[in-house]
Amino acid sequence: MSERILDLLDSIRQSRKQYFVREFEALGLGRGEGSCLLRICENPGISQENLSRLLLMDKGNLARRLSCMEEKGLVNRQVSPQDRRILELYPSEKGLDLLPRIREIRSCWDEHVLEDISPEEKERLSSMLQYIADKASEMLKNPEVSAL
């Protein structure tokens, strides 16, 4: 049963990802660029390192994605005035213009997949999923928890 629950969560994640890829592609955004742009708009000046942690993304992959986004004129990278080793990320005007549509796409997904679930069920499901997410995060942080 446990395996089935996690398989279902993975299936939901994959469906959501494919939906976003399709919808964001119509906006001229590549794979993962919508989520990346959203987080930069919500956290202007965020460092690449902190964005990498927030998105649970490898630093190298994020750097490549940001280069593409910079070439498209969606984001700007600026050297931090406090620490020249840190690159701060800011949305461009073009990136900010896409923000309402990105939020609309995400909201449409959420509303559709959760439309028949009561507020109480949503609250209970959210609590259970948060517990699972915390356990998963704990497992990554604790090298002593291993199948080997």
Protein backbone atom coordinates (compact mmCIF):
# COMPACT_ATOMS: atom_id res chain seq x y z
CA MET A 1 0.00 0.00 0.00
CA SER A 2 2.81 2.46 0.86
CA GLU A 3 4.40 1.95 -2.53
CA ARG A 4 1.05 2.61 -4.25
CA ILE A 5 0.63 5.92 -2.38
CA LEU A 6 4.05 7.13 -3.46
CA ASP A 7 3.46 5.90 -7.03
CA LEU A 8 0.24 7.95 -7.10
CA LEU A 9 2.07 11.03 -5.83
CA ASP A 10 4.68 10.54 -8.55
CA SER A 11 1.95 10.14 -11.17
CA ILE A 12 0.33 13.40 -10.04
CA ARG A 13 3.70 15.16 -10.17
CA GLN A 14 4.40 13.85 -13.67
CA SER A 15 0.96 14.88 -14.95
CA ARG A 16 1.37 18.33 -13.43
CA LYS A 17 4.81 18.70 -14.97
CA GLN A 18 3.55 17.69 -18.43
CA TYR A 19 0.61 20.09 -18.16
CA PHE A 20 2.93 22.97 -17.21
CA VAL A 21 5.36 22.13 -20.03
CA ARG A 22 2.50 22.26 -22.54
CA GLU A 23 0.97 25.46 -21.18
CA PHE A 24 4.24 27.30 -20.58
CA GLU A 25 5.49 26.34 -24.05
CA ALA A 26 2.66 28.45 -25.49
CA LEU A 27 4.20 31.41 -23.60
CA GLY A 28 7.63 30.73 -25.10
CA LEU A 29 8.95 29.22 -21.87
CA GLY A 30 11.10 26.10 -21.85
CA ARG A 31 10.94 23.19 -19.43
CA GLY A 32 10.99 24.45 -15.85
CA GLU A 33 11.29 28.11 -16.79
CA GLY A 34 7.80 29.00 -15.58
CA SER A 35 8.43 27.74 -12.06
CA CYS A 36 11.87 29.32 -12.03
CA LEU A 37 10.52 32.69 -13.17
CA LEU A 38 7.70 32.54 -10.63
CA ARG A 39 10.15 32.00 -7.75
CA ILE A 40 12.40 34.84 -8.97
CA CYS A 41 9.39 37.18 -9.22
CA GLU A 42 8.32 36.19 -5.70
CA ASN A 43 11.88 36.63 -4.36
CA PRO A 44 13.59 39.42 -6.34
CA GLY A 45 17.30 39.49 -5.59
CA ILE A 46 17.41 35.82 -4.59
CA SER A 47 20.83 34.25 -5.08
CA GLN A 48 21.33 31.40 -7.52
CA GLU A 49 22.32 29.18 -4.61
CA ASN A 50 19.13 29.92 -2.66
CA LEU A 51 17.00 29.48 -5.77
CA SER A 52 18.69 26.14 -6.35
CA ARG A 53 17.70 25.06 -2.83
CA LEU A 54 14.17 26.42 -3.18
CA LEU A 55 13.59 24.54 -6.45
CA LEU A 56 15.52 21.44 -5.31
CA MET A 57 17.58 21.79 -8.48
CA ASP A 58 21.22 21.03 -9.21
CA LYS A 59 23.28 24.27 -9.38
CA GLY A 60 24.69 23.43 -12.81
CA ASN A 61 21.29 22.74 -14.33
CA LEU A 62 19.92 25.92 -12.79
CA ALA A 63 22.82 27.98 -14.18
CA ARG A 64 22.12 26.62 -17.69
CA ARG A 65 18.39 27.30 -17.34
CA LEU A 66 19.07 30.85 -16.14
CA SER A 67 21.40 31.47 -19.09
CA CYS A 68 18.59 30.53 -21.48
CA MET A 69 16.14 32.71 -19.58
CA GLU A 70 18.60 35.60 -19.64
CA GLU A 71 19.02 35.19 -23.43
CA LYS A 72 15.21 35.35 -23.78
CA GLY A 73 15.19 38.55 -21.75
CA LEU A 74 13.19 37.07 -18.86
CA VAL A 75 15.66 37.57 -16.00
CA ASN A 76 18.71 39.60 -15.10
CA ARG A 77 21.67 38.39 -13.07
CA GLN A 78 23.52 41.02 -11.07
CA VAL A 79 26.59 40.75 -8.88
CA SER A 80 25.64 41.35 -5.25
CA PRO A 81 26.96 44.66 -3.92
CA GLN A 82 27.53 42.96 -0.52
CA ASP A 83 29.41 39.93 -1.84
CA ARG A 84 30.80 39.93 -5.37
CA ARG A 85 30.82 36.10 -5.42
CA ILE A 86 27.01 36.04 -5.28
CA LEU A 87 24.76 36.54 -8.30
CA GLU A 88 21.36 38.02 -7.50
CA LEU A 89 18.42 37.24 -9.76
CA TYR A 90 15.76 39.71 -10.82
CA PRO A 91 12.84 39.39 -13.22
CA SER A 92 12.97 41.62 -16.28
CA GLU A 93 9.97 43.63 -17.44
CA LYS A 94 9.27 40.86 -19.96
CA GLY A 95 9.43 38.27 -17.17
CA LEU A 96 7.10 40.31 -14.96
CA ASP A 97 4.62 40.60 -17.84
CA LEU A 98 4.34 36.77 -17.93
CA LEU A 99 3.72 36.46 -14.18
CA PRO A 100 -0.11 36.81 -14.26
CA ARG A 101 -0.39 34.16 -16.97
CA ILE A 102 1.96 31.78 -15.10
CA ARG A 103 -0.16 32.16 -11.96
CA GLU A 104 -3.33 31.60 -13.99
CA ILE A 105 -1.96 28.36 -15.45
CA ARG A 106 -0.96 27.08 -12.02
CA SER A 107 -4.31 28.08 -10.52
CA CYS A 108 -6.21 26.36 -13.34
CA TRP A 109 -4.37 23.11 -12.60
CA ASP A 110 -4.98 23.35 -8.86
CA GLU A 111 -8.66 24.15 -9.24
CA HIS A 112 -9.27 21.36 -11.74
CA VAL A 113 -7.56 18.54 -9.85
CA LEU A 114 -8.98 19.58 -6.45
CA GLU A 115 -12.46 20.73 -7.50
CA ASP A 116 -14.37 17.77 -6.02
CA ILE A 117 -12.51 17.69 -2.70
CA SER A 118 -14.09 19.39 0.30
CA PRO A 119 -12.19 22.03 2.29
CA GLU A 120 -11.91 19.61 5.22
CA GLU A 121 -10.50 16.86 2.99
CA LYS A 122 -8.04 19.34 1.47
CA GLU A 123 -6.86 20.34 4.94
CA ARG A 124 -6.42 16.72 6.02
CA LEU A 125 -4.65 15.79 2.77
CA SER A 126 -2.38 18.83 3.06
CA SER A 127 -1.38 17.84 6.59
CA MET A 128 -0.61 14.28 5.57
CA LEU A 129 1.39 15.35 2.53
CA GLN A 130 3.35 17.87 4.59
CA TYR A 131 4.24 15.06 7.00
CA ILE A 132 5.46 12.91 4.08
CA ALA A 133 7.40 15.85 2.60
CA ASP A 134 9.08 16.50 5.95
CA LYS A 135 10.05 12.83 6.27
CA ALA A 136 11.45 12.84 2.72
CA SER A 137 13.47 15.98 3.44
CA GLU A 138 14.73 14.46 6.69
CA MET A 139 15.88 11.38 4.80
CA LEU A 140 17.94 13.50 2.41
CA LYS A 141 19.55 15.42 5.25
CA ASN A 142 20.39 12.36 7.33
CA PRO A 143 23.08 10.19 5.69
CA GLU A 144 22.56 7.54 8.36
CA VAL A 145 19.16 6.71 6.83
CA SER A 146 20.15 4.44 3.97
CA ALA A 147 19.01 1.21 2.36
CA LEU A 148 22.62 0.06 2.19
